[in-house]
Amino acid sequence: MPPAPSHTCPFCDLIHGAGEVSMCFEDAEVVAFMDIQPVNAGHVLVVPREHYESIEDIPASLASHLFQVSMQLAPVVKHVAGAEGLNLVVNSGVAAGQDVFHYHVHVIPRRSGDGFNIPLPFAGSEMPDRTVLDMNAARIIAALRDPVMARKRPERRAAGVTDRRASSSPA
């Protein structure tokens, strides 16, 4: 008998049939279903079948597939919802507002005055000096070229390397 899961994940439960879900897309790797706390009618969540906690954990090829599915759903959701615009949103980590720790993409139909806002540019930010922007860009470039950092990125992980996937996920 397999050990009891060390966590509970509402999305894993839904994917495995342990709850009501209004599914609007399924393939071998991804499901999409209606958000039960929608910003607006038509708000969809695009979710990998296998449990990955955050953007740092999901393999790049699967994340790419999630965005391909999101892009396929986006114009349909916008049309069906009668929306004026659309947001594709990923919240990864507590500080970013993630509250279900199973990586997912929000496809949110938008209307003027709907009250939802992701204000960019952020009113509390100040435009940094160009040297600060250049320094941060150089640090990112260096990290991308760093072979140690490259091994930590999901698309570079070798089979069997420990990651933060749930222990209860199917093989």
Protein backbone atom coordinates (compact mmCIF):
# COMPACT_ATOMS: atom_id res chain seq x y z
CA MET A 1 0.00 0.00 0.00
CA PRO A 2 1.48 3.40 -0.96
CA PRO A 3 2.22 5.85 1.84
CA ALA A 4 -0.36 8.50 2.57
CA PRO A 5 0.31 11.77 0.74
CA SER A 6 2.26 14.26 2.84
CA HIS A 7 0.10 17.10 1.56
CA THR A 8 -3.31 17.83 0.18
CA CYS A 9 -3.64 19.61 -3.11
CA PRO A 10 -7.10 20.70 -4.25
CA PHE A 11 -6.04 20.62 -7.92
CA CYS A 12 -4.63 17.08 -7.63
CA ASP A 13 -7.90 16.07 -5.96
CA LEU A 14 -9.93 17.55 -8.83
CA ILE A 15 -7.69 15.99 -11.47
CA HIS A 16 -8.11 12.58 -9.81
CA GLY A 17 -11.90 12.90 -9.61
CA ALA A 18 -12.27 13.70 -5.91
CA GLY A 19 -14.46 16.75 -6.41
CA GLU A 20 -16.76 18.60 -8.75
CA VAL A 21 -15.05 20.44 -11.57
CA SER A 22 -16.29 22.18 -14.69
CA MET A 23 -13.71 20.99 -17.22
CA CYS A 24 -13.32 22.90 -20.49
CA PHE A 25 -10.13 21.30 -21.89
CA GLU A 26 -8.17 18.07 -21.41
CA ASP A 27 -5.20 16.42 -23.02
CA ALA A 28 -2.59 13.92 -21.79
CA GLU A 29 -0.61 16.55 -19.85
CA VAL A 30 -2.98 19.43 -19.07
CA VAL A 31 -6.50 20.12 -17.89
CA ALA A 32 -8.38 23.42 -17.88
CA PHE A 33 -11.37 24.12 -15.70
CA MET A 34 -13.49 27.01 -14.50
CA ASP A 35 -12.18 28.93 -11.48
CA ILE A 36 -14.61 28.69 -8.55
CA GLN A 37 -13.59 32.19 -7.41
CA PRO A 38 -13.57 33.93 -10.80
CA VAL A 39 -12.55 37.51 -11.41
CA ASN A 40 -15.21 37.47 -14.14
CA ALA A 41 -17.44 34.80 -15.66
CA GLY A 42 -15.29 32.63 -17.91
CA HIS A 43 -12.15 32.71 -15.70
CA VAL A 44 -10.26 29.47 -16.49
CA LEU A 45 -7.35 27.73 -14.77
CA VAL A 46 -4.91 25.77 -16.96
CA VAL A 47 -3.23 23.11 -14.82
CA PRO A 48 -0.68 20.34 -15.44
CA ARG A 49 -1.95 16.87 -14.52
CA GLU A 50 1.28 16.16 -12.67
CA HIS A 51 1.90 18.16 -9.50
CA TYR A 52 4.54 20.87 -9.68
CA GLU A 53 4.53 23.49 -6.98
CA SER A 54 5.84 26.55 -8.81
CA ILE A 55 7.38 27.96 -11.96
CA GLU A 56 10.77 26.91 -10.58
CA ASP A 57 9.73 23.25 -10.52
CA ILE A 58 7.82 22.66 -13.74
CA PRO A 59 9.85 21.44 -16.74
CA ALA A 60 10.16 24.10 -19.44
CA SER A 61 8.53 21.89 -22.08
CA LEU A 62 5.44 21.37 -19.89
CA ALA A 63 5.26 25.07 -18.97
CA SER A 64 5.44 25.86 -22.68
CA HIS A 65 2.59 23.43 -23.35
CA LEU A 66 0.50 25.10 -20.62
CA PHE A 67 0.99 28.45 -22.35
CA GLN A 68 0.16 26.92 -25.74
CA VAL A 69 -3.11 25.63 -24.27
CA SER A 70 -3.70 29.01 -22.59
CA MET A 71 -3.18 30.75 -25.94
CA GLN A 72 -5.59 28.33 -27.60
CA LEU A 73 -8.22 28.99 -24.92
CA ALA A 74 -7.68 32.78 -24.69
CA PRO A 75 -9.63 33.95 -27.76
CA VAL A 76 -12.40 31.44 -27.08
CA VAL A 77 -12.73 32.52 -23.43
CA LYS A 78 -12.71 36.19 -24.47
CA HIS A 79 -15.44 35.57 -27.06
CA VAL A 80 -17.64 33.36 -24.88
CA ALA A 81 -17.33 35.75 -21.91
CA GLY A 82 -18.03 38.79 -24.09
CA ALA A 83 -14.87 40.34 -22.68
CA GLU A 84 -13.03 43.44 -23.86
CA GLY A 85 -9.58 42.17 -22.87
CA LEU A 86 -7.76 39.28 -21.28
CA ASN A 87 -5.03 38.56 -18.70
CA LEU A 88 -2.82 35.47 -18.60
CA VAL A 89 -1.46 35.35 -15.05
CA VAL A 90 0.91 33.09 -13.12
CA ASN A 91 1.35 33.65 -9.38
CA SER A 92 4.43 31.70 -8.29
CA GLY A 93 5.23 31.71 -4.58
CA VAL A 94 3.55 33.21 -1.53
CA ALA A 95 5.03 36.66 -2.18
CA ALA A 96 3.49 36.61 -5.67
CA GLY A 97 0.02 35.75 -4.36
CA GLN A 98 0.00 31.99 -5.05
CA ASP A 99 -2.55 30.33 -2.78
CA VAL A 100 -2.85 26.88 -4.39
CA PHE A 101 0.61 25.37 -4.61
CA HIS A 102 0.10 23.48 -7.84
CA TYR A 103 1.49 25.48 -10.76
CA HIS A 104 -1.27 26.92 -12.96
CA VAL A 105 -2.08 29.68 -15.43
CA HIS A 106 -5.11 31.94 -15.02
CA VAL A 107 -6.96 32.91 -18.21
CA ILE A 108 -9.01 35.90 -17.06
CA PRO A 109 -11.54 37.63 -19.30
CA ARG A 110 -11.59 41.36 -18.55
CA ARG A 111 -14.07 44.19 -18.80
CA SER A 112 -13.56 47.90 -18.20
CA GLY A 113 -14.39 48.74 -14.62
CA ASP A 114 -14.45 45.11 -13.41
CA GLY A 115 -12.44 46.13 -10.32
CA PHE A 116 -9.55 43.71 -10.89
CA ASN A 117 -6.20 45.37 -11.36
CA ILE A 118 -2.59 44.41 -11.88
CA PRO A 119 -1.20 47.93 -11.93
CA LEU A 120 1.90 48.14 -14.10
CA PRO A 121 3.86 50.24 -13.86
CA PHE A 122 3.43 49.86 -10.11
CA ALA A 123 2.63 53.21 -8.48
CA GLY A 124 5.09 52.50 -5.63
CA SER A 125 8.07 51.99 -7.94
CA GLU A 126 10.53 54.60 -9.07
CA MET A 127 12.44 54.51 -12.33
CA PRO A 128 15.96 53.41 -11.39
CA ASP A 129 19.10 54.95 -12.76
CA ARG A 130 20.19 53.31 -16.05
CA THR A 131 23.31 51.92 -14.32
CA VAL A 132 21.09 49.97 -11.90
CA LEU A 133 19.07 48.54 -14.82
CA ASP A 134 22.29 47.65 -16.67
CA MET A 135 23.75 46.02 -13.53
CA ASN A 136 20.63 43.86 -13.04
CA ALA A 137 20.64 42.88 -16.72
CA ALA A 138 24.33 41.88 -16.44
CA ARG A 139 23.60 39.79 -13.33
CA ILE A 140 20.81 37.94 -15.17
CA ILE A 141 23.05 37.32 -18.18
CA ALA A 142 25.80 35.98 -15.91
CA ALA A 143 23.37 33.69 -14.08
CA LEU A 144 22.03 32.34 -17.38
CA ARG A 145 25.59 31.49 -18.45
CA ASP A 146 26.57 29.97 -15.08
CA PRO A 147 26.80 26.17 -15.48
CA VAL A 148 25.89 25.60 -11.82
CA MET A 149 22.73 27.67 -12.17
CA ALA A 150 21.93 25.91 -15.46
CA ARG A 151 21.75 22.56 -13.65
CA LYS A 152 19.17 24.00 -11.26
CA ARG A 153 16.77 25.09 -14.02
CA PRO A 154 13.93 22.56 -14.58
CA GLU A 155 14.64 21.99 -18.27
CA ARG A 156 18.21 20.99 -17.39
CA ARG A 157 17.37 18.58 -14.57
CA ALA A 158 18.45 15.01 -15.13
CA ALA A 159 16.07 12.16 -14.35
CA GLY A 160 16.17 11.19 -10.71
CA VAL A 161 17.39 14.55 -9.43
CA THR A 162 15.33 15.63 -6.44
CA ASP A 163 12.85 18.38 -7.12
CA ARG A 164 9.85 19.79 -5.29
CA ARG A 165 7.19 17.72 -7.02
CA ALA A 166 4.68 16.17 -4.66
CA SER A 167 5.57 12.69 -3.48
CA SER A 168 2.04 11.54 -4.26
CA SER A 169 2.22 12.44 -7.96
CA PRO A 170 1.93 9.58 -10.46
CA ALA A 171 5.10 8.45 -12.16
